[in-house]
Structure formats: C-alpha cells, structure tokens
Amino acid sequence: MIIDRIPFESLETKDAPMAHHLQGLQYTRSGYGRKIPTSRMVRLPSAKRWRRVYCAIFSNIGTCYVQSGSDWIVLF
C-alpha cells in the first residue's frame, strides 16, 4: 500500500552501492522485479536513519520507493 509520495529532490541523499553494483552486475537475472535495490539511500524528513531506495521494474517502467514496514513511500 502506498502511504505517501515525496519529491526525490527534497530529500537528503547519498550514494551507497551494494556489492553487486560495485561488480557491475544486476540484482536479478532479468533485471526486472518488485524490490530491486538501487545504489541510492535517502533520509526521510520524519526519520533519522538512512533508508535504501528500491525500484519496482516491470517492462520498461519503474517506480522508486522507500519501505516503511510493509508500506511504500513513493519517490518522484
């Protein structure tokens, strides 16, 4: 369930690549999936810790989001 939408430009961001990013690999074989981790992390206004940005990618479109429990905060 989507609980909020926040502009990406309004957030504090940092680049934090994971092991597969550093090796030049994809997270899944096909490159598609519901929870593909990106190399970006953001700090939400209401939180003090950094959160990983994930992307749900199907076909040729993706939606980037941060998880809050089982809910999504969509970044646009």
N, C-alpha and C. Protein backbone atom coordinates (compact mmCIF):
# COMPACT_ATOMS: atom_id res chain seq x y z
N MET A 1 0.84 -1.18 0.00
CA MET A 1 0.00 0.00 0.00
C MET A 1 0.89 1.24 0.00
N ILE A 2 0.58 2.20 -0.81
CA ILE A 2 1.31 3.46 -0.87
C ILE A 2 0.75 4.40 0.19
N ILE A 3 1.63 4.86 1.09
CA ILE A 3 1.15 5.71 2.17
C ILE A 3 1.53 7.18 1.99
N ASP A 4 2.50 7.46 1.09
CA ASP A 4 2.91 8.84 0.87
C ASP A 4 3.68 8.96 -0.44
N ARG A 5 3.80 10.17 -0.94
CA ARG A 5 4.61 10.48 -2.13
C ARG A 5 5.48 11.69 -1.79
N ILE A 6 6.79 11.56 -2.03
CA ILE A 6 7.72 12.63 -1.68
C ILE A 6 8.61 12.92 -2.88
N PRO A 7 8.83 14.21 -3.22
CA PRO A 7 9.76 14.53 -4.31
C PRO A 7 11.20 14.15 -3.92
N PHE A 8 11.87 13.46 -4.81
CA PHE A 8 13.23 12.98 -4.55
C PHE A 8 14.19 14.14 -4.29
N GLU A 9 14.00 15.26 -4.98
CA GLU A 9 14.89 16.41 -4.85
C GLU A 9 14.84 17.05 -3.47
N SER A 10 13.75 16.84 -2.74
CA SER A 10 13.60 17.48 -1.43
C SER A 10 14.27 16.68 -0.31
N LEU A 11 14.84 15.51 -0.63
CA LEU A 11 15.43 14.65 0.40
C LEU A 11 16.95 14.71 0.38
N GLU A 12 17.53 14.46 1.52
CA GLU A 12 18.98 14.32 1.62
C GLU A 12 19.33 12.92 1.09
N THR A 13 20.28 12.84 0.16
CA THR A 13 20.61 11.57 -0.47
C THR A 13 22.10 11.27 -0.34
N LYS A 14 22.43 10.01 -0.49
CA LYS A 14 23.84 9.61 -0.57
C LYS A 14 23.95 8.38 -1.46
N ASP A 15 25.10 8.23 -2.07
CA ASP A 15 25.36 7.07 -2.91
C ASP A 15 25.99 5.99 -2.04
N ALA A 16 25.36 4.83 -1.97
CA ALA A 16 25.83 3.71 -1.15
C ALA A 16 25.67 2.41 -1.94
N PRO A 17 26.56 2.18 -2.93
CA PRO A 17 26.40 0.99 -3.77
C PRO A 17 26.58 -0.31 -2.98
N MET A 18 25.83 -1.31 -3.39
CA MET A 18 25.93 -2.64 -2.79
C MET A 18 26.96 -3.45 -3.58
N ALA A 19 27.26 -4.65 -3.10
CA ALA A 19 28.31 -5.47 -3.72
C ALA A 19 28.06 -5.72 -5.21
N HIS A 20 26.81 -6.03 -5.58
CA HIS A 20 26.53 -6.30 -7.00
C HIS A 20 26.67 -5.05 -7.86
N HIS A 21 26.43 -3.86 -7.28
CA HIS A 21 26.64 -2.62 -8.03
C HIS A 21 28.12 -2.42 -8.32
N LEU A 22 28.96 -2.68 -7.34
CA LEU A 22 30.40 -2.49 -7.49
C LEU A 22 31.00 -3.47 -8.50
N GLN A 23 30.37 -4.64 -8.64
CA GLN A 23 30.85 -5.65 -9.59
C GLN A 23 30.25 -5.47 -10.98
N GLY A 24 29.35 -4.50 -11.13
CA GLY A 24 28.72 -4.26 -12.43
C GLY A 24 27.66 -5.27 -12.78
N LEU A 25 27.06 -5.91 -11.77
CA LEU A 25 26.05 -6.94 -12.00
C LEU A 25 24.65 -6.40 -11.73
N GLN A 26 23.65 -7.11 -12.26
CA GLN A 26 22.25 -6.80 -11.96
C GLN A 26 21.83 -7.59 -10.73
N TYR A 27 20.80 -7.13 -10.05
CA TYR A 27 20.30 -7.81 -8.86
C TYR A 27 19.58 -9.10 -9.22
N THR A 28 18.85 -9.09 -10.33
CA THR A 28 18.17 -10.30 -10.81
C THR A 28 18.68 -10.62 -12.21
N ARG A 29 18.47 -11.84 -12.63
CA ARG A 29 18.95 -12.26 -13.94
C ARG A 29 18.30 -11.43 -15.06
N SER A 30 17.01 -11.20 -14.94
CA SER A 30 16.28 -10.48 -15.99
C SER A 30 16.40 -8.96 -15.86
N GLY A 31 16.72 -8.48 -14.66
CA GLY A 31 16.74 -7.04 -14.43
C GLY A 31 15.39 -6.50 -13.98
N TYR A 32 14.39 -7.35 -13.93
CA TYR A 32 13.05 -6.95 -13.52
C TYR A 32 12.75 -7.51 -12.13
N GLY A 33 11.82 -6.87 -11.43
CA GLY A 33 11.40 -7.37 -10.14
C GLY A 33 10.66 -6.31 -9.35
N ARG A 34 10.14 -6.72 -8.22
CA ARG A 34 9.34 -5.82 -7.39
C ARG A 34 10.18 -5.05 -6.38
N LYS A 35 11.32 -5.61 -5.98
CA LYS A 35 12.13 -4.95 -4.95
C LYS A 35 13.61 -4.98 -5.35
N ILE A 36 13.95 -4.20 -6.38
CA ILE A 36 15.31 -4.13 -6.86
C ILE A 36 16.02 -3.00 -6.10
N PRO A 37 17.08 -3.30 -5.34
CA PRO A 37 17.77 -2.24 -4.61
C PRO A 37 18.59 -1.36 -5.54
N THR A 38 18.53 -0.06 -5.32
CA THR A 38 19.33 0.88 -6.10
C THR A 38 20.59 1.22 -5.30
N SER A 39 21.46 2.00 -5.88
CA SER A 39 22.69 2.40 -5.19
C SER A 39 22.47 3.66 -4.34
N ARG A 40 21.25 4.15 -4.27
CA ARG A 40 20.94 5.38 -3.52
C ARG A 40 20.29 5.08 -2.18
N MET A 41 20.56 5.95 -1.22
CA MET A 41 19.89 5.93 0.07
C MET A 41 19.39 7.34 0.35
N VAL A 42 18.28 7.46 1.06
CA VAL A 42 17.70 8.76 1.40
C VAL A 42 17.42 8.82 2.89
N ARG A 43 17.34 10.05 3.36
CA ARG A 43 16.94 10.27 4.75
C ARG A 43 15.60 11.00 4.70
N LEU A 44 14.57 10.36 5.21
CA LEU A 44 13.23 10.95 5.21
C LEU A 44 13.15 12.06 6.25
N PRO A 45 12.29 13.05 6.04
CA PRO A 45 12.17 14.16 7.00
C PRO A 45 11.78 13.70 8.40
N SER A 46 10.98 12.65 8.49
CA SER A 46 10.49 12.19 9.79
C SER A 46 11.40 11.15 10.44
N ALA A 47 12.50 10.77 9.78
CA ALA A 47 13.37 9.71 10.31
C ALA A 47 14.81 10.20 10.41
N LYS A 48 15.56 9.56 11.28
CA LYS A 48 16.96 9.93 11.46
C LYS A 48 17.91 8.97 10.76
N ARG A 49 17.41 7.81 10.33
CA ARG A 49 18.31 6.84 9.71
C ARG A 49 18.16 6.86 8.20
N TRP A 50 19.20 6.36 7.53
CA TRP A 50 19.20 6.27 6.07
C TRP A 50 18.39 5.06 5.64
N ARG A 51 17.65 5.21 4.55
CA ARG A 51 16.85 4.11 4.00
C ARG A 51 17.23 3.87 2.55
N ARG A 52 17.30 2.60 2.19
CA ARG A 52 17.63 2.20 0.82
C ARG A 52 16.46 2.51 -0.10
N VAL A 53 16.75 3.02 -1.28
CA VAL A 53 15.74 3.25 -2.31
C VAL A 53 15.63 1.97 -3.15
N TYR A 54 14.44 1.46 -3.30
CA TYR A 54 14.16 0.28 -4.12
C TYR A 54 13.39 0.71 -5.35
N CYS A 55 13.40 -0.14 -6.36
CA CYS A 55 12.66 0.15 -7.58
C CYS A 55 11.89 -1.09 -8.00
N ALA A 56 10.62 -0.92 -8.28
CA ALA A 56 9.78 -1.98 -8.85
C ALA A 56 9.81 -1.79 -10.36
N ILE A 57 10.44 -2.74 -11.06
CA ILE A 57 10.64 -2.58 -12.51
C ILE A 57 9.96 -3.74 -13.24
N PHE A 58 9.01 -3.39 -14.09
CA PHE A 58 8.35 -4.36 -14.97
C PHE A 58 8.23 -3.71 -16.33
N SER A 59 8.50 -4.46 -17.37
CA SER A 59 8.51 -3.96 -18.74
C SER A 59 9.55 -2.86 -18.85
N ASN A 60 9.19 -1.69 -19.30
CA ASN A 60 10.19 -0.64 -19.44
C ASN A 60 9.86 0.58 -18.58
N ILE A 61 9.26 0.34 -17.42
CA ILE A 61 8.95 1.43 -16.49
C ILE A 61 9.23 0.98 -15.07
N GLY A 62 9.65 1.91 -14.23
CA GLY A 62 9.95 1.59 -12.84
C GLY A 62 9.37 2.62 -11.89
N THR A 63 9.11 2.19 -10.67
CA THR A 63 8.64 3.06 -9.61
C THR A 63 9.62 2.95 -8.45
N CYS A 64 10.23 4.07 -8.07
CA CYS A 64 11.19 4.06 -6.97
C CYS A 64 10.46 4.37 -5.67
N TYR A 65 10.86 3.67 -4.61
CA TYR A 65 10.18 3.81 -3.33
C TYR A 65 11.11 3.47 -2.18
N VAL A 66 10.68 3.86 -0.98
CA VAL A 66 11.32 3.50 0.28
C VAL A 66 10.28 2.74 1.07
N GLN A 67 10.71 1.69 1.76
CA GLN A 67 9.75 0.91 2.54
C GLN A 67 9.59 1.47 3.93
N SER A 68 8.37 1.47 4.40
CA SER A 68 8.04 1.82 5.78
C SER A 68 7.18 0.69 6.31
N GLY A 69 7.81 -0.28 6.94
CA GLY A 69 7.11 -1.51 7.31
C GLY A 69 6.81 -2.27 6.04
N SER A 70 5.56 -2.60 5.81
CA SER A 70 5.19 -3.27 4.56
C SER A 70 4.62 -2.29 3.53
N ASP A 71 4.57 -1.01 3.89
CA ASP A 71 4.03 0.04 3.02
C ASP A 71 5.14 0.73 2.24
N TRP A 72 4.75 1.43 1.18
CA TRP A 72 5.69 2.15 0.32
C TRP A 72 5.52 3.65 0.47
N ILE A 73 6.65 4.35 0.44
CA ILE A 73 6.67 5.80 0.29
C ILE A 73 7.31 6.03 -1.08
N VAL A 74 6.50 6.44 -2.04
CA VAL A 74 6.95 6.59 -3.43
C VAL A 74 7.75 7.88 -3.59
N LEU A 75 8.86 7.77 -4.32
CA LEU A 75 9.69 8.93 -4.62
C LEU A 75 9.48 9.32 -6.08
N PHE A 76 9.26 10.60 -6.31
CA PHE A 76 9.07 11.06 -7.70
C PHE A 76 9.94 12.23 -8.00
